[in-house]
PDB file of N, CA and C in Angstrom:
ATOM      1  N   MET A   1       1.978-105.223  33.512  1.00  0.00           N
ATOM      2  CA  MET A   1       0.836-104.704  32.807  1.00  0.00           C
ATOM      3  C   MET A   1       1.334-104.060  31.517  1.00  0.00           C
ATOM      4  N   LEU A   2       0.616-104.258  30.462  1.00  0.00           N
ATOM      5  CA  LEU A   2       0.925-103.679  29.165  1.00  0.00           C
ATOM      6  C   LEU A   2      -0.238-102.823  28.772  1.00  0.00           C
ATOM      7  N   ILE A   3      -0.025-101.541  28.510  1.00  0.00           N
ATOM      8  CA  ILE A   3      -1.003-100.636  28.099  1.00  0.00           C
ATOM      9  C   ILE A   3      -0.710-100.189  26.698  1.00  0.00           C
ATOM     10  N   GLU A   4      -1.661-100.348  25.777  1.00  0.00           N
ATOM     11  CA  GLU A   4      -1.428 -99.974  24.400  1.00  0.00           C
ATOM     12  C   GLU A   4      -1.921 -98.537  24.173  1.00  0.00           C
ATOM     13  N   PRO A   5      -1.205 -97.799  23.323  1.00  0.00           N
ATOM     14  CA  PRO A   5      -1.584 -96.414  23.094  1.00  0.00           C
ATOM     15  C   PRO A   5      -2.721 -96.236  22.108  1.00  0.00           C
ATOM     16  N   ARG A   6      -3.340 -97.287  21.696  1.00  0.00           N
ATOM     17  CA  ARG A   6      -4.427 -97.184  20.715  1.00  0.00           C
ATOM     18  C   ARG A   6      -5.531 -98.159  21.142  1.00  0.00           C
ATOM     19  N   GLU A   7      -6.715 -97.993  20.520  1.00  0.00           N
ATOM     20  CA  GLU A   7      -7.782 -98.916  20.731  1.00  0.00           C
ATOM     21  C   GLU A   7      -7.365-100.257  20.100  1.00  0.00           C
ATOM     22  N   ALA A   8      -7.515-101.302  20.833  1.00  0.00           N
ATOM     23  CA  ALA A   8      -7.140-102.622  20.320  1.00  0.00           C
ATOM     24  C   ALA A   8      -8.262-103.608  20.585  1.00  0.00           C
ATOM     25  N   ARG A   9      -8.439-104.518  19.684  1.00  0.00           N
ATOM     26  CA  ARG A   9      -9.452-105.614  19.861  1.00  0.00           C
ATOM     27  C   ARG A   9      -8.997-106.470  21.054  1.00  0.00           C
ATOM     28  N   LEU A  10      -9.957-106.980  21.843  1.00  0.00           N
ATOM     29  CA  LEU A  10      -9.645-107.825  22.988  1.00  0.00           C
ATOM     30  C   LEU A  10      -9.039-109.136  22.395  1.00  0.00           C
ATOM     31  N   ARG A  11      -7.979-109.559  22.994  1.00  0.00           N
ATOM     32  CA  ARG A  11      -7.289-110.760  22.458  1.00  0.00           C
ATOM     33  C   ARG A  11      -6.479-111.435  23.544  1.00  0.00           C
ATOM     34  N   THR A  12      -6.078-112.640  23.247  1.00  0.00           N
ATOM     35  CA  THR A  12      -5.220-113.430  24.064  1.00  0.00           C
ATOM     36  C   THR A  12      -4.079-113.952  23.187  1.00  0.00           C
ATOM     37  N   SER A  13      -2.871-113.865  23.643  1.00  0.00           N
ATOM     38  CA  SER A  13      -1.762-114.366  22.848  1.00  0.00           C
ATOM     39  C   SER A  13      -0.949-115.367  23.677  1.00  0.00           C
ATOM     40  N   THR A  14      -0.481-116.391  23.010  1.00  0.00           N
ATOM     41  CA  THR A  14       0.442-117.334  23.639  1.00  0.00           C
ATOM     42  C   THR A  14       1.692-117.339  22.744  1.00  0.00           C
ATOM     43  N   PHE A  15       2.782-117.703  23.345  1.00  0.00           N
ATOM     44  CA  PHE A  15       4.042-117.735  22.590  1.00  0.00           C
ATOM     45  C   PHE A  15       4.959-118.824  23.028  1.00  0.00           C
ATOM     46  N   THR A  16       5.811-119.223  22.156  1.00  0.00           N
ATOM     47  CA  THR A  16       6.926-120.133  22.500  1.00  0.00           C
ATOM     48  C   THR A  16       8.215-119.454  22.117  1.00  0.00           C
ATOM     49  N   LEU A  17       9.248-119.738  22.880  1.00  0.00           N
ATOM     50  CA  LEU A  17      10.572-119.172  22.623  1.00  0.00           C
ATOM     51  C   LEU A  17      11.520-120.293  22.306  1.00  0.00           C
ATOM     52  N   THR A  18      12.530-120.010  21.468  1.00  0.00           N
ATOM     53  CA  THR A  18      13.577-121.005  21.175  1.00  0.00           C
ATOM     54  C   THR A  18      14.887-120.408  21.688  1.00  0.00           C
ATOM     55  N   ALA A  19      15.833-121.288  21.974  1.00  0.00           N
ATOM     56  CA  ALA A  19      17.176-120.838  22.371  1.00  0.00           C
ATOM     57  C   ALA A  19      18.109-120.709  21.188  1.00  0.00           C
ATOM     58  N   ALA A  20      17.603-120.932  19.970  1.00  0.00           N
ATOM     59  CA  ALA A  20      18.354-120.837  18.762  1.00  0.00           C
ATOM     60  C   ALA A  20      18.922-119.448  18.602  1.00  0.00           C
ATOM     61  N   ARG A  21      19.977-119.283  17.831  1.00  0.00           N
ATOM     62  CA  ARG A  21      20.482-117.911  17.528  1.00  0.00           C
ATOM     63  C   ARG A  21      20.142-117.623  16.104  1.00  0.00           C
ATOM     64  N   PRO A  22      19.541-116.475  15.765  1.00  0.00           N
ATOM     65  CA  PRO A  22      19.005-115.539  16.716  1.00  0.00           C
ATOM     66  C   PRO A  22      17.795-116.134  17.479  1.00  0.00           C
ATOM     67  N   ARG A  23      17.537-115.618  18.643  1.00  0.00           N
ATOM     68  CA  ARG A  23      16.405-116.089  19.470  1.00  0.00           C
ATOM     69  C   ARG A  23      15.143-115.863  18.689  1.00  0.00           C
ATOM     70  N   GLN A  24      14.287-116.892  18.696  1.00  0.00           N
ATOM     71  CA  GLN A  24      13.036-116.829  17.929  1.00  0.00           C
ATOM     72  C   GLN A  24      11.811-116.937  18.834  1.00  0.00           C
ATOM     73  N   MET A  25      10.758-116.230  18.451  1.00  0.00           N
ATOM     74  CA  MET A  25       9.495-116.247  19.163  1.00  0.00           C
ATOM     75  C   MET A  25       8.413-116.600  18.127  1.00  0.00           C
ATOM     76  N   HIS A  26       7.529-117.503  18.524  1.00  0.00           N
ATOM     77  CA  HIS A  26       6.380-117.856  17.686  1.00  0.00           C
ATOM     78  C   HIS A  26       5.102-117.471  18.503  1.00  0.00           C
ATOM     79  N   LEU A  27       4.282-116.583  17.928  1.00  0.00           N
ATOM     80  CA  LEU A  27       3.125-116.079  18.635  1.00  0.00           C
ATOM     81  C   LEU A  27       1.838-116.604  17.967  1.00  0.00           C
ATOM     82  N   THR A  28       0.841-116.923  18.771  1.00  0.00           N
ATOM     83  CA  THR A  28      -0.488-117.234  18.290  1.00  0.00           C
ATOM     84  C   THR A  28      -1.468-116.348  19.038  1.00  0.00           C
ATOM     85  N   THR A  29      -2.288-115.584  18.297  1.00  0.00           N
ATOM     86  CA  THR A  29      -3.220-114.683  18.883  1.00  0.00           C
ATOM     87  C   THR A  29      -4.635-115.017  18.532  1.00  0.00           C
ATOM     88  N   SER A  30      -5.491-115.078  19.579  1.00  0.00           N
ATOM     89  CA  SER A  30      -6.929-115.364  19.402  1.00  0.00           C
ATOM     90  C   SER A  30      -7.695-114.103  19.827  1.00  0.00           C
ATOM     91  N   PHE A  31      -8.669-113.691  19.023  1.00  0.00           N
ATOM     92  CA  PHE A  31      -9.499-112.540  19.292  1.00  0.00           C
ATOM     93  C   PHE A  31     -10.819-112.991  19.855  1.00  0.00           C
ATOM     94  N   THR A  32     -11.356-112.197  20.820  1.00  0.00           N
ATOM     95  CA  THR A  32     -12.600-112.599  21.470  1.00  0.00           C
ATOM     96  C   THR A  32     -13.804-112.544  20.514  1.00  0.00           C
ATOM     97  N   ASP A  33     -13.686-111.730  19.438  1.00  0.00           N
ATOM     98  CA  ASP A  33     -14.798-111.582  18.518  1.00  0.00           C
ATOM     99  C   ASP A  33     -14.633-112.395  17.213  1.00  0.00           C
ATOM    100  N   SER A  34     -13.697-113.369  17.151  1.00  0.00           N
ATOM    101  CA  SER A  34     -13.420-114.117  15.981  1.00  0.00           C
ATOM    102  C   SER A  34     -12.868-115.481  16.325  1.00  0.00           C
ATOM    103  N   PRO A  35     -13.272-116.524  15.570  1.00  0.00           N
ATOM    104  CA  PRO A  35     -12.709-117.848  15.824  1.00  0.00           C
ATOM    105  C   PRO A  35     -11.328-118.030  15.185  1.00  0.00           C
ATOM    106  N   ASN A  36     -10.951-117.105  14.317  1.00  0.00           N
ATOM    107  CA  ASN A  36      -9.641-117.235  13.609  1.00  0.00           C
ATOM    108  C   ASN A  36      -8.493-116.877  14.549  1.00  0.00           C
ATOM    109  N   ARG A  37      -7.368-117.530  14.283  1.00  0.00           N
ATOM    110  CA  ARG A  37      -6.152-117.231  15.039  1.00  0.00           C
ATOM    111  C   ARG A  37      -5.105-116.661  14.084  1.00  0.00           C
ATOM    112  N   LEU A  38      -4.260-115.773  14.600  1.00  0.00           N
ATOM    113  CA  LEU A  38      -3.175-115.236  13.843  1.00  0.00           C
ATOM    114  C   LEU A  38      -1.892-115.854  14.330  1.00  0.00           C
ATOM    115  N   HIS A  39      -1.001-116.208  13.411  1.00  0.00           N
ATOM    116  CA  HIS A  39       0.340-116.761  13.741  1.00  0.00           C
ATOM    117  C   HIS A  39       1.314-115.774  13.205  1.00  0.00           C
ATOM    118  N   THR A  40       2.198-115.367  14.103  1.00  0.00           N
ATOM    119  CA  THR A  40       3.251-114.378  13.717  1.00  0.00           C
ATOM    120  C   THR A  40       4.594-114.876  14.213  1.00  0.00           C
ATOM    121  N   GLU A  41       5.633-114.383  13.571  1.00  0.00           N
ATOM    122  CA  GLU A  41       7.039-114.757  13.859  1.00  0.00           C
ATOM    123  C   GLU A  41       7.774-113.533  14.319  1.00  0.00           C
ATOM    124  N   ALA A  42       8.657-113.770  15.298  1.00  0.00           N
ATOM    125  CA  ALA A  42       9.444-112.642  15.879  1.00  0.00           C
ATOM    126  C   ALA A  42      10.829-113.116  16.251  1.00  0.00           C
ATOM    127  N   MET A  43      11.684-112.171  16.539  1.00  0.00           N
ATOM    128  CA  MET A  43      12.993-112.454  17.200  1.00  0.00           C
ATOM    129  C   MET A  43      12.954-111.695  18.525  1.00  0.00           C
ATOM    130  N   TYR A  44      13.724-112.245  19.476  1.00  0.00           N
ATOM    131  CA  TYR A  44      13.694-111.565  20.820  1.00  0.00           C
ATOM    132  C   TYR A  44      15.095-111.578  21.441  1.00  0.00           C
ATOM    133  N   ALA A  45      15.215-110.730  22.436  1.00  0.00           N
ATOM    134  CA  ALA A  45      16.423-110.674  23.274  1.00  0.00           C
ATOM    135  C   ALA A  45      15.942-110.411  24.716  1.00  0.00           C
ATOM    136  N   LEU A  46      16.480-111.202  25.643  1.00  0.00           N
ATOM    137  CA  LEU A  46      16.179-111.041  27.032  1.00  0.00           C
ATOM    138  C   LEU A  46      17.494-110.627  27.719  1.00  0.00           C
ATOM    139  N   GLU A  47      17.540-109.400  28.218  1.00  0.00           N
ATOM    140  CA  GLU A  47      18.752-108.883  28.828  1.00  0.00           C
ATOM    141  C   GLU A  47      18.380-108.349  30.197  1.00  0.00           C
ATOM    142  N   GLY A  48      18.744-109.030  31.268  1.00  0.00           N
ATOM    143  CA  GLY A  48      18.346-108.625  32.612  1.00  0.00           C
ATOM    144  C   GLY A  48      16.855-108.566  32.766  1.00  0.00           C
ATOM    145  N   ASP A  49      16.312-107.403  33.081  1.00  0.00           N
ATOM    146  CA  ASP A  49      14.899-107.238  33.255  1.00  0.00           C
ATOM    147  C   ASP A  49      14.169-106.672  32.061  1.00  0.00           C
ATOM    148  N   THR A  50      14.859-106.719  30.905  1.00  0.00           N
ATOM    149  CA  THR A  50      14.293-106.141  29.691  1.00  0.00           C
ATOM    150  C   THR A  50      14.074-107.213  28.632  1.00  0.00           C
ATOM    151  N   LEU A  51      12.875-107.298  28.141  1.00  0.00           N
ATOM    152  CA  LEU A  51      12.528-108.179  27.024  1.00  0.00           C
ATOM    153  C   LEU A  51      12.283-107.279  25.826  1.00  0.00           C
ATOM    154  N   LYS A  52      12.995-107.577  24.752  1.00  0.00           N
ATOM    155  CA  LYS A  52      12.830-106.815  23.517  1.00  0.00           C
ATOM    156  C   LYS A  52      12.480-107.816  22.394  1.00  0.00           C
ATOM    157  N   TYR A  53      11.418-107.523  21.594  1.00  0.00           N
ATOM    158  CA  TYR A  53      11.109-108.350  20.488  1.00  0.00           C
ATOM    159  C   TYR A  53      10.626-107.541  19.315  1.00  0.00           C
ATOM    160  N   CYS A  54      10.887-108.093  18.104  1.00  0.00           N
ATOM    161  CA  CYS A  54      10.452-107.454  16.893  1.00  0.00           C
ATOM    162  C   CYS A  54       9.638-108.510  16.151  1.00  0.00           C
ATOM    163  N   VAL A  55       8.378-108.191  15.892  1.00  0.00           N
ATOM    164  CA  VAL A  55       7.441-109.143  15.292  1.00  0.00           C
ATOM    165  C   VAL A  55       6.985-108.675  13.912  1.00  0.00           C
ATOM    166  N   ALA A  56       6.895-109.612  13.001  1.00  0.00           N
ATOM    167  CA  ALA A  56       6.383-109.339  11.643  1.00  0.00           C
ATOM    168  C   ALA A  56       4.902-109.491  11.592  1.00  0.00           C
ATOM    169  N   PRO A  57       4.209-108.851  10.613  1.00  0.00           N
ATOM    170  CA  PRO A  57       2.811-109.079  10.472  1.00  0.00           C
ATOM    171  C   PRO A  57       2.522-110.515  10.071  1.00  0.00           C
ATOM    172  N   PRO A  58       1.331-110.994  10.272  1.00  0.00           N
ATOM    173  CA  PRO A  58       0.956-112.370   9.864  1.00  0.00           C
ATOM    174  C   PRO A  58       1.304-112.631   8.403  1.00  0.00           C
ATOM    175  N   GLY A  59       1.888-113.774   8.168  1.00  0.00           N
ATOM    176  CA  GLY A  59       2.221-114.188   6.803  1.00  0.00           C
ATOM    177  C   GLY A  59       3.524-113.609   6.264  1.00  0.00           C
ATOM    178  N   ARG A  60       4.202-112.804   7.043  1.00  0.00           N
ATOM    179  CA  ARG A  60       5.439-112.190   6.621  1.00  0.00           C
ATOM    180  C   ARG A  60       6.611-112.891   7.309  1.00  0.00           C
ATOM    181  N   PRO A  61       7.812-112.873   6.698  1.00  0.00           N
ATOM    182  CA  PRO A  61       8.974-113.557   7.326  1.00  0.00           C
ATOM    183  C   PRO A  61       9.423-112.828   8.627  1.00  0.00           C
ATOM    184  N   ARG A  62      10.013-113.610   9.467  1.00  0.00           N
ATOM    185  CA  ARG A  62      10.542-113.116  10.755  1.00  0.00           C
ATOM    186  C   ARG A  62      11.501-111.927  10.469  1.00  0.00           C
ATOM    187  N   PRO A  63      11.423-110.856  11.254  1.00  0.00           N
ATOM    188  CA  PRO A  63      12.388-109.748  11.094  1.00  0.00           C
ATOM    189  C   PRO A  63      13.832-110.239  11.324  1.00  0.00           C
ATOM    190  N   GLU A  64      14.802-109.561  10.757  1.00  0.00           N
ATOM    191  CA  GLU A  64      16.187-109.941  10.869  1.00  0.00           C
ATOM    192  C   GLU A  64      16.930-109.055  11.863  1.00  0.00           C
ATOM    193  N   GLY A  65      16.266-108.034  12.396  1.00  0.00           N
ATOM    194  CA  GLY A  65      16.900-107.166  13.360  1.00  0.00           C
ATOM    195  C   GLY A  65      15.873-106.492  14.231  1.00  0.00           C
ATOM    196  N   PHE A  66      16.369-105.749  15.206  1.00  0.00           N
ATOM    197  CA  PHE A  66      15.460-105.020  16.143  1.00  0.00           C
ATOM    198  C   PHE A  66      15.229-103.624  15.647  1.00  0.00           C
ATOM    199  N   ALA A  67      14.574-103.504  14.560  1.00  0.00           N
ATOM    200  CA  ALA A  67      14.295-102.201  13.920  1.00  0.00           C
ATOM    201  C   ALA A  67      13.052-102.348  13.022  1.00  0.00           C
ATOM    202  N   THR A  68      12.447-101.219  12.787  1.00  0.00           N
ATOM    203  CA  THR A  68      11.325-101.154  11.893  1.00  0.00           C
ATOM    204  C   THR A  68      11.613-100.098  10.828  1.00  0.00           C
ATOM    205  N   ALA A  69      10.966-100.241   9.676  1.00  0.00           N
ATOM    206  CA  ALA A  69      11.124 -99.294   8.617  1.00  0.00           C
ATOM    207  C   ALA A  69       9.696 -98.929   8.122  1.00  0.00           C
ATOM    208  N   LYS A  70       9.532 -97.722   7.638  1.00  0.00           N
ATOM    209  CA  LYS A  70       8.246 -97.320   7.164  1.00  0.00           C
ATOM    210  C   LYS A  70       7.690 -98.299   6.127  1.00  0.00           C
ATOM    211  N   GLY A  71       6.482 -98.761   6.401  1.00  0.00           N
ATOM    212  CA  GLY A  71       5.790 -99.667   5.487  1.00  0.00           C
ATOM    213  C   GLY A  71       6.102-101.158   5.666  1.00  0.00           C
ATOM    214  N   ASP A  72       7.087-101.527   6.522  1.00  0.00           N
ATOM    215  CA  ASP A  72       7.370-102.946   6.619  1.00  0.00           C
ATOM    216  C   ASP A  72       6.381-103.740   7.464  1.00  0.00           C
ATOM    217  N   GLY A  73       5.561-103.015   8.268  1.00  0.00           N
ATOM    218  CA  GLY A  73       4.544-103.673   9.106  1.00  0.00           C
ATOM    219  C   GLY A  73       5.122-104.310  10.379  1.00  0.00           C
ATOM    220  N   ASN A  74       6.383-104.283  10.584  1.00  0.00           N
ATOM    221  CA  ASN A  74       6.971-104.867  11.782  1.00  0.00           C
ATOM    222  C   ASN A  74       6.655-103.988  13.008  1.00  0.00           C
ATOM    223  N   THR A  75       6.631-104.638  14.143  1.00  0.00           N
ATOM    224  CA  THR A  75       6.386-103.959  15.419  1.00  0.00           C
ATOM    225  C   THR A  75       7.549-104.264  16.402  1.00  0.00           C
ATOM    226  N   LEU A  76       8.159-103.250  16.927  1.00  0.00           N
ATOM    227  CA  LEU A  76       9.227-103.408  17.868  1.00  0.00           C
ATOM    228  C   LEU A  76       8.674-103.109  19.260  1.00  0.00           C
ATOM    229  N   VAL A  77       8.874-104.046  20.227  1.00  0.00           N
ATOM    230  CA  VAL A  77       8.314-103.924  21.566  1.00  0.00           C
ATOM    231  C   VAL A  77       9.460-104.073  22.558  1.00  0.00           C
ATOM    232  N   VAL A  78       9.536-103.153  23.551  1.00  0.00           N
ATOM    233  CA  VAL A  78      10.508-103.230  24.637  1.00  0.00           C
ATOM    234  C   VAL A  78       9.729-103.218  25.922  1.00  0.00           C
ATOM    235  N   LEU A  79       9.886-104.271  26.735  1.00  0.00           N
ATOM    236  CA  LEU A  79       9.198-104.403  28.011  1.00  0.00           C
ATOM    237  C   LEU A  79      10.196-104.467  29.133  1.00  0.00           C
ATOM    238  N   LYS A  80       9.962-103.726  30.228  1.00  0.00           N
ATOM    239  CA  LYS A  80      10.861-103.691  31.361  1.00  0.00           C
ATOM    240  C   LYS A  80      10.096-104.226  32.600  1.00  0.00           C
ATOM    241  N   ARG A  81      10.661-105.215  33.254  1.00  0.00           N
ATOM    242  CA  ARG A  81      10.053-105.751  34.477  1.00  0.00           C
ATOM    243  C   ARG A  81      10.322-104.775  35.578  1.00  0.00           C
ATOM    244  N   LEU A  82       9.278-104.393  36.311  1.00  0.00           N
ATOM    245  CA  LEU A  82       9.404-103.474  37.449  1.00  0.00           C
ATOM    246  C   LEU A  82       9.574-104.307  38.720  1.00  0.00           C
ATOM    247  N   PRO A  83      10.253-103.742  39.671  1.00  0.00           N
ATOM    248  CA  PRO A  83      10.433-104.430  40.960  1.00  0.00           C
ATOM    249  C   PRO A  83       9.101-104.566  41.675  1.00  0.00           C
ATOM    250  N   LEU A  84       8.967-105.708  42.337  1.00  0.00           N
ATOM    251  CA  LEU A  84       7.763-105.968  43.180  1.00  0.00           C
ATOM    252  C   LEU A  84       7.802-105.094  44.384  1.00  0.00           C
ATOM    253  N   PRO A  85       6.652-104.637  44.826  1.00  0.00           N
ATOM    254  CA  PRO A  85       6.624-103.812  46.060  1.00  0.00           C
ATOM    255  C   PRO A  85       7.237-104.585  47.185  1.00  0.00           C
ATOM    256  N   GLY A  86       8.113-103.885  47.967  1.00  0.00           N
ATOM    257  CA  GLY A  86       8.744-104.500  49.132  1.00  0.00           C
ATOM    258  C   GLY A  86      10.059-105.202  48.791  1.00  0.00           C
ATOM    259  N   HIS A  87      10.455-105.218  47.533  1.00  0.00           N
ATOM    260  CA  HIS A  87      11.728-105.841  47.122  1.00  0.00           C
ATOM    261  C   HIS A  87      12.744-104.809  46.847  1.00  0.00           C
ATOM    262  N   ASP A  88      14.035-105.156  47.034  1.00  0.00           N
ATOM    263  CA  ASP A  88      15.137-104.247  46.813  1.00  0.00           C
ATOM    264  C   ASP A  88      15.221-104.038  45.302  1.00  0.00           C
ATOM    265  N   SER A  89      15.156-102.750  44.874  1.00  0.00           N
ATOM    266  CA  SER A  89      15.171-102.463  43.446  1.00  0.00           C
ATOM    267  C   SER A  89      16.594-102.116  42.930  1.00  0.00           C
ATOM    268  N   THR A  90      17.597-102.249  43.793  1.00  0.00           N
ATOM    269  CA  THR A  90      18.936-101.908  43.363  1.00  0.00           C
ATOM    270  C   THR A  90      19.658-103.085  42.739  1.00  0.00           C
ATOM    271  N   GLY A  91      19.241-104.302  42.995  1.00  0.00           N
ATOM    272  CA  GLY A  91      19.870-105.487  42.449  1.00  0.00           C
ATOM    273  C   GLY A  91      19.013-106.153  41.411  1.00  0.00           C
ATOM    274  N   PRO A  92      19.509-107.212  40.778  1.00  0.00           N
ATOM    275  CA  PRO A  92      18.704-107.921  39.764  1.00  0.00           C
ATOM    276  C   PRO A  92      17.477-108.567  40.402  1.00  0.00           C
ATOM    277  N   LEU A  93      16.415-108.620  39.685  1.00  0.00           N
ATOM    278  CA  LEU A  93      15.169-109.219  40.192  1.00  0.00           C
ATOM    279  C   LEU A  93      15.290-110.756  40.149  1.00  0.00           C
ATOM    280  N   ALA A  94      14.740-111.385  41.136  1.00  0.00           N
ATOM    281  CA  ALA A  94      14.671-112.842  41.131  1.00  0.00           C
ATOM    282  C   ALA A  94      13.561-113.227  40.166  1.00  0.00           C
ATOM    283  N   PRO A  95      13.648-114.413  39.551  1.00  0.00           N
ATOM    284  CA  PRO A  95      12.558-114.860  38.684  1.00  0.00           C
ATOM    285  C   PRO A  95      11.239-114.931  39.443  1.00  0.00           C
ATOM    286  N   LEU A  96      10.157-114.618  38.773  1.00  0.00           N
ATOM    287  CA  LEU A  96       8.862-114.706  39.463  1.00  0.00           C
ATOM    288  C   LEU A  96       8.492-116.168  39.620  1.00  0.00           C
ATOM    289  N   PRO A  97       7.740-116.413  40.691  1.00  0.00           N
ATOM    290  CA  PRO A  97       7.393-117.817  40.980  1.00  0.00           C
ATOM    291  C   PRO A  97       6.406-118.341  39.932  1.00  0.00           C
TER     292      PRO A  97
END
């Protein structure tokens, strides 16, 4: 589950990942109140149960690192997969089915 700290428009996003170095993510976002889609570019790293990605605003080039600077419009996201109830949380998690 992802909870945003601000009011956000209802949306659905899909993404594709590449194995290229640096790892690249291409996102397409559709809003429930608009027929327009946003296309954004990001870089990502998947380390164990942590997914980290840095995404540029629409129309801007893909970020070159996992950092943001005042006014660049980039967003850095770090997501951590939690263990499923009833599973051992001391070892690495198995991939979800």
